[in-house]
Amino acid sequence: MAIIVKSPDEVEKIRRACRVVGKVLSEIGEYIRPGVSTAELDRIAEKIIRGEGAVPSFKGYDGFPAAICASPDEVVIHGIPSSKQVLHEGQIISIDVGAILNGYHGDGARTYPVGEIGEDAARMIQAAKEAFYAGVSCVKAGAHLHEISAGVEKKAIEYGCGIVREFAGHGVGTELHEDPLIPNYKPVGRGPKLKSGMTLAIEPMLTLGNAAVRVLDDGWTTVTRDGSIASHYENTILVTEEGYEILTTV
């Protein structure tokens, strides 16, 4: 495992790309409502990304056809936007966004309510967010990678959520996915030591029911096997000597 420590110049380039992602995540919620299609959300997100002089990281990535992943209800991640997929009251939807600017990526995700939602749905949104913050609270130079995973897992268990094991967080830089993998459960051992200048995407992916998932025939859309709803919360962060900086905000 070769975790890349970024120079101050590289960190600044990643920070700029991440701000584009943060702008999308901040603004897209205004458009999420009953009656809107996920294709329309994709169009809006791509317009924001390109308006900032950036390019969508996801579009064309291993053949993925869109600028965002739009994942409603039981879709955990990698949902493909479609004009036929129209949101309705009471759903939740996870939006995952990547942007590349001057050769460096930013990556982030949020789960949003569609109109008025039920208690379970609201709890899932909160669980993923809190699990992220529980994990990132362990970050600082000298800490170990798996402390992040343990923090995410502990909070997810407190909420009674299933923890998706097939997908994980990752490093971010000139590649969208770099070392290390960051599971949302505690692996054996402490993992490598964190160093100032590392840039990491921490992303809890949780389910209301069983954690088992399957990938649909399109090769991307990943759903819960039991049909339970899922939530996703992700930020790209910078490891610092004292702690961390969340980069995917505006």
Protein backbone atom coordinates (compact mmCIF):
# COMPACT_ATOMS: atom_id res chain seq x y z
CA MET A 1 0.00 0.00 0.00
CA ALA A 2 1.51 3.29 -1.12
CA ILE A 3 -0.35 6.23 0.42
CA ILE A 4 0.66 9.44 -1.34
CA VAL A 5 1.52 12.43 0.86
CA LYS A 6 0.66 15.57 -1.09
CA SER A 7 2.79 18.69 -1.29
CA PRO A 8 1.25 22.05 -0.25
CA ASP A 9 0.78 22.87 -3.95
CA GLU A 10 -0.99 19.56 -4.58
CA VAL A 11 -3.19 20.05 -1.51
CA GLU A 12 -4.28 23.44 -2.83
CA LYS A 13 -5.22 21.90 -6.20
CA ILE A 14 -7.22 19.17 -4.47
CA ARG A 15 -8.86 21.79 -2.26
CA ARG A 16 -10.03 23.70 -5.35
CA ALA A 17 -11.48 20.57 -6.95
CA CYS A 18 -13.19 19.70 -3.68
CA ARG A 19 -14.79 23.13 -3.47
CA VAL A 20 -16.50 22.40 -6.79
CA VAL A 21 -17.87 19.17 -5.31
CA GLY A 22 -18.97 21.07 -2.21
CA LYS A 23 -20.79 23.60 -4.36
CA VAL A 24 -22.75 20.84 -6.11
CA LEU A 25 -23.63 19.12 -2.84
CA SER A 26 -24.70 22.44 -1.34
CA GLU A 27 -26.88 23.52 -4.26
CA ILE A 28 -28.34 20.26 -5.59
CA GLY A 29 -30.61 19.87 -2.56
CA GLU A 30 -32.65 22.86 -3.74
CA TYR A 31 -33.70 20.82 -6.79
CA ILE A 32 -34.49 17.53 -5.04
CA ARG A 33 -38.25 17.32 -4.77
CA PRO A 34 -41.16 15.14 -5.89
CA GLY A 35 -41.53 15.12 -9.67
CA VAL A 36 -37.92 15.77 -10.61
CA SER A 37 -36.03 13.11 -12.56
CA THR A 38 -32.56 11.92 -11.64
CA ALA A 39 -31.49 12.82 -15.20
CA GLU A 40 -32.44 16.44 -14.49
CA LEU A 41 -30.39 16.39 -11.29
CA ASP A 42 -27.46 15.05 -13.31
CA ARG A 43 -27.84 17.87 -15.84
CA ILE A 44 -27.89 20.48 -13.08
CA ALA A 45 -24.83 19.00 -11.36
CA GLU A 46 -22.81 18.83 -14.57
CA LYS A 47 -23.69 22.45 -15.36
CA ILE A 48 -22.40 23.54 -11.95
CA ILE A 49 -19.20 21.50 -12.32
CA ARG A 50 -18.40 22.81 -15.79
CA GLY A 51 -19.38 26.33 -14.76
CA GLU A 52 -16.52 26.20 -12.27
CA GLY A 53 -14.07 25.20 -14.99
CA ALA A 54 -13.94 21.60 -13.82
CA VAL A 55 -14.88 18.28 -15.45
CA PRO A 56 -17.07 15.54 -13.90
CA SER A 57 -14.79 12.81 -12.52
CA PHE A 58 -17.41 10.11 -12.95
CA LYS A 59 -18.52 10.72 -16.55
CA GLY A 60 -16.75 8.11 -18.65
CA TYR A 61 -15.02 6.56 -15.62
CA ASP A 62 -14.87 2.87 -16.57
CA GLY A 63 -17.80 3.64 -18.86
CA PHE A 64 -20.08 5.31 -16.29
CA PRO A 65 -22.45 7.49 -18.34
CA ALA A 66 -23.22 10.42 -16.02
CA ALA A 67 -21.76 13.24 -13.93
CA ILE A 68 -23.29 12.02 -10.66
CA CYS A 69 -24.41 8.79 -9.08
CA ALA A 70 -28.09 9.15 -8.12
CA SER A 71 -29.14 6.40 -5.71
CA PRO A 72 -32.69 6.46 -4.31
CA ASP A 73 -34.01 4.32 -1.44
CA GLU A 74 -32.60 0.77 -1.68
CA VAL A 75 -29.87 1.84 -4.14
CA VAL A 76 -26.73 2.10 -2.01
CA ILE A 77 -24.34 3.59 -4.57
CA HIS A 78 -23.66 3.97 -8.31
CA GLY A 79 -27.23 4.63 -9.40
CA ILE A 80 -27.33 5.75 -13.05
CA PRO A 81 -29.43 8.90 -13.60
CA SER A 82 -32.43 8.43 -15.89
CA SER A 83 -35.26 10.55 -17.28
CA LYS A 84 -37.55 7.63 -16.41
CA GLN A 85 -36.59 7.72 -12.73
CA VAL A 86 -38.82 10.38 -11.21
CA LEU A 87 -38.62 11.05 -7.49
CA HIS A 88 -41.67 10.93 -5.27
CA GLU A 89 -42.62 12.11 -1.82
CA GLY A 90 -41.09 10.21 1.07
CA GLN A 91 -38.05 8.84 -0.73
CA ILE A 92 -34.43 9.50 0.13
CA ILE A 93 -31.71 9.82 -2.49
CA SER A 94 -27.93 9.71 -2.25
CA ILE A 95 -26.01 11.96 -4.64
CA ASP A 96 -22.32 11.14 -5.17
CA VAL A 97 -20.24 13.77 -7.00
CA GLY A 98 -16.70 13.90 -8.32
CA ALA A 99 -14.92 16.80 -10.02
CA ILE A 100 -11.49 17.09 -11.59
CA LEU A 101 -9.77 20.47 -11.84
CA ASN A 102 -6.21 21.04 -13.02
CA GLY A 103 -5.54 17.30 -12.86
CA TYR A 104 -6.77 16.72 -9.29
CA HIS A 105 -10.00 15.19 -8.02
CA GLY A 106 -12.52 15.93 -5.31
CA ASP A 107 -15.15 13.41 -4.16
CA GLY A 108 -18.18 13.71 -1.90
CA ALA A 109 -21.72 12.44 -1.28
CA ARG A 110 -24.85 13.26 0.70
CA THR A 111 -28.25 11.64 1.22
CA TYR A 112 -31.23 13.99 0.86
CA PRO A 113 -34.93 13.77 1.70
CA VAL A 114 -37.50 13.99 -1.07
CA GLY A 115 -40.28 16.09 0.44
CA GLU A 116 -41.57 14.86 3.79
CA ILE A 117 -39.95 11.59 4.87
CA GLY A 118 -40.61 9.03 7.56
CA GLU A 119 -38.77 8.47 10.80
CA ASP A 120 -36.69 5.55 9.53
CA ALA A 121 -35.57 7.50 6.48
CA ALA A 122 -34.60 10.54 8.56
CA ARG A 123 -32.71 8.29 10.95
CA MET A 124 -30.74 6.76 8.08
CA ILE A 125 -29.66 10.17 6.80
CA GLN A 126 -28.52 11.13 10.30
CA ALA A 127 -26.77 7.80 10.89
CA ALA A 128 -24.51 8.10 7.84
CA LYS A 129 -23.61 11.70 8.67
CA GLU A 130 -22.81 10.92 12.30
CA ALA A 131 -20.83 7.83 11.31
CA PHE A 132 -18.68 10.00 9.05
CA TYR A 133 -17.97 12.45 11.86
CA ALA A 134 -17.27 9.63 14.30
CA GLY A 135 -14.67 8.28 11.88
CA VAL A 136 -13.07 11.58 10.98
CA SER A 137 -12.80 12.60 14.64
CA CYS A 138 -10.00 10.02 14.90
CA VAL A 139 -7.93 11.69 12.16
CA LYS A 140 -4.64 13.43 12.83
CA ALA A 141 -1.01 12.86 11.95
CA GLY A 142 0.28 9.88 13.94
CA ALA A 143 -3.11 8.17 14.27
CA HIS A 144 -3.71 4.88 12.49
CA LEU A 145 -5.99 4.34 9.51
CA HIS A 146 -8.18 1.70 11.10
CA GLU A 147 -9.13 4.07 13.91
CA ILE A 148 -11.28 5.79 11.28
CA SER A 149 -12.94 2.49 10.38
CA ALA A 150 -13.53 1.65 14.04
CA GLY A 151 -15.14 5.05 14.64
CA VAL A 152 -17.51 4.64 11.69
CA GLU A 153 -18.43 1.10 12.74
CA LYS A 154 -19.13 2.03 16.35
CA LYS A 155 -21.56 4.80 15.41
CA ALA A 156 -23.29 2.66 12.77
CA ILE A 157 -23.83 -0.08 15.35
CA GLU A 158 -25.27 2.45 17.79
CA TYR A 159 -27.86 3.28 15.13
CA GLY A 160 -28.53 -0.40 14.44
CA CYS A 161 -27.52 -0.02 10.79
CA GLY A 162 -26.06 -2.58 8.43
CA ILE A 163 -22.54 -1.67 7.26
CA VAL A 164 -21.83 -2.35 3.58
CA ARG A 165 -18.54 -4.25 3.38
CA GLU A 166 -18.02 -4.59 -0.37
CA PHE A 167 -17.20 -0.90 -0.86
CA ALA A 168 -14.93 1.46 1.05
CA GLY A 169 -13.44 4.92 1.30
CA HIS A 170 -10.16 5.66 -0.43
CA GLY A 171 -7.35 8.08 -1.10
CA VAL A 172 -7.95 10.96 -3.52
CA GLY A 173 -5.49 12.88 -5.71
CA THR A 174 -4.51 12.75 -9.37
CA GLU A 175 -6.56 9.54 -9.41
CA LEU A 176 -10.15 9.41 -8.21
CA HIS A 177 -9.36 6.24 -6.25
CA GLU A 178 -5.92 5.95 -4.66
CA ASP A 179 -4.55 3.94 -1.76
CA PRO A 180 -5.55 3.37 0.96
CA LEU A 181 -8.86 1.56 1.13
CA ILE A 182 -10.80 2.77 4.18
CA PRO A 183 -13.39 0.16 5.25
CA ASN A 184 -16.40 1.23 7.28
CA TYR A 185 -15.76 -1.60 9.74
CA LYS A 186 -12.68 -2.31 11.83
CA PRO A 187 -10.24 -4.66 10.05
CA VAL A 188 -7.64 -6.73 11.88
CA GLY A 189 -4.65 -4.63 12.92
CA ARG A 190 -4.18 -0.89 13.27
CA GLY A 191 -3.43 -0.08 9.64
CA PRO A 192 -0.81 2.39 8.40
CA LYS A 193 0.05 5.54 10.29
CA LEU A 194 -1.53 8.74 9.02
CA LYS A 195 0.71 11.58 7.91
CA SER A 196 0.03 15.27 7.37
CA GLY A 197 -0.70 15.87 3.69
CA MET A 198 -2.68 12.70 3.04
CA THR A 199 -6.04 13.29 1.34
CA LEU A 200 -8.73 10.72 2.06
CA ALA A 201 -12.38 10.16 1.12
CA ILE A 202 -14.25 8.78 4.12
CA GLU A 203 -17.68 7.49 3.15
CA PRO A 204 -20.01 5.46 5.37
CA MET A 205 -22.55 3.43 3.36
CA LEU A 206 -25.25 2.11 5.67
CA THR A 207 -28.49 0.15 5.38
CA LEU A 208 -31.66 0.02 7.43
CA GLY A 209 -31.71 -3.76 7.22
CA ASN A 210 -29.22 -6.44 6.25
CA ALA A 211 -25.88 -5.19 4.88
CA ALA A 212 -25.80 -7.60 1.92
CA VAL A 213 -25.84 -5.93 -1.51
CA ARG A 214 -25.94 -6.96 -5.16
CA VAL A 215 -25.04 -5.21 -8.42
CA LEU A 216 -27.75 -5.02 -11.08
CA ASP A 217 -27.32 -6.10 -14.69
CA ASP A 218 -26.17 -2.61 -15.76
CA GLY A 219 -22.92 -3.37 -13.94
CA TRP A 220 -23.17 -0.30 -11.70
CA THR A 221 -26.37 0.07 -9.70
CA THR A 222 -25.77 -1.49 -6.27
CA VAL A 223 -28.86 -2.29 -4.18
CA THR A 224 -29.59 -3.87 -0.83
CA ARG A 225 -30.53 -7.53 -1.21
CA ASP A 226 -33.40 -7.20 1.25
CA GLY A 227 -34.80 -4.02 -0.32
CA SER A 228 -34.12 -1.89 2.75
CA ILE A 229 -33.22 1.77 2.28
CA ALA A 230 -29.61 2.92 2.40
CA SER A 231 -27.69 6.14 3.04
CA HIS A 232 -24.29 7.49 2.04
CA TYR A 233 -22.24 10.40 3.41
CA GLU A 234 -18.79 11.28 2.07
CA ASN A 235 -16.22 14.03 2.26
CA THR A 236 -12.67 14.34 1.04
CA ILE A 237 -10.50 15.35 4.00
CA LEU A 238 -6.93 16.48 4.53
CA VAL A 239 -4.86 14.99 7.35
CA THR A 240 -3.10 17.72 9.35
CA GLU A 241 -0.71 17.66 12.29
CA GLU A 242 -3.49 18.68 14.67
CA GLY A 243 -6.41 16.85 13.09
CA TYR A 244 -8.16 17.23 9.76
CA GLU A 245 -9.71 19.67 7.31
CA ILE A 246 -12.89 18.83 5.40
CA LEU A 247 -12.26 19.91 1.81
CA THR A 248 -15.61 19.19 0.14
CA THR A 249 -17.42 22.19 1.59
CA VAL A 250 -18.07 25.72 0.34
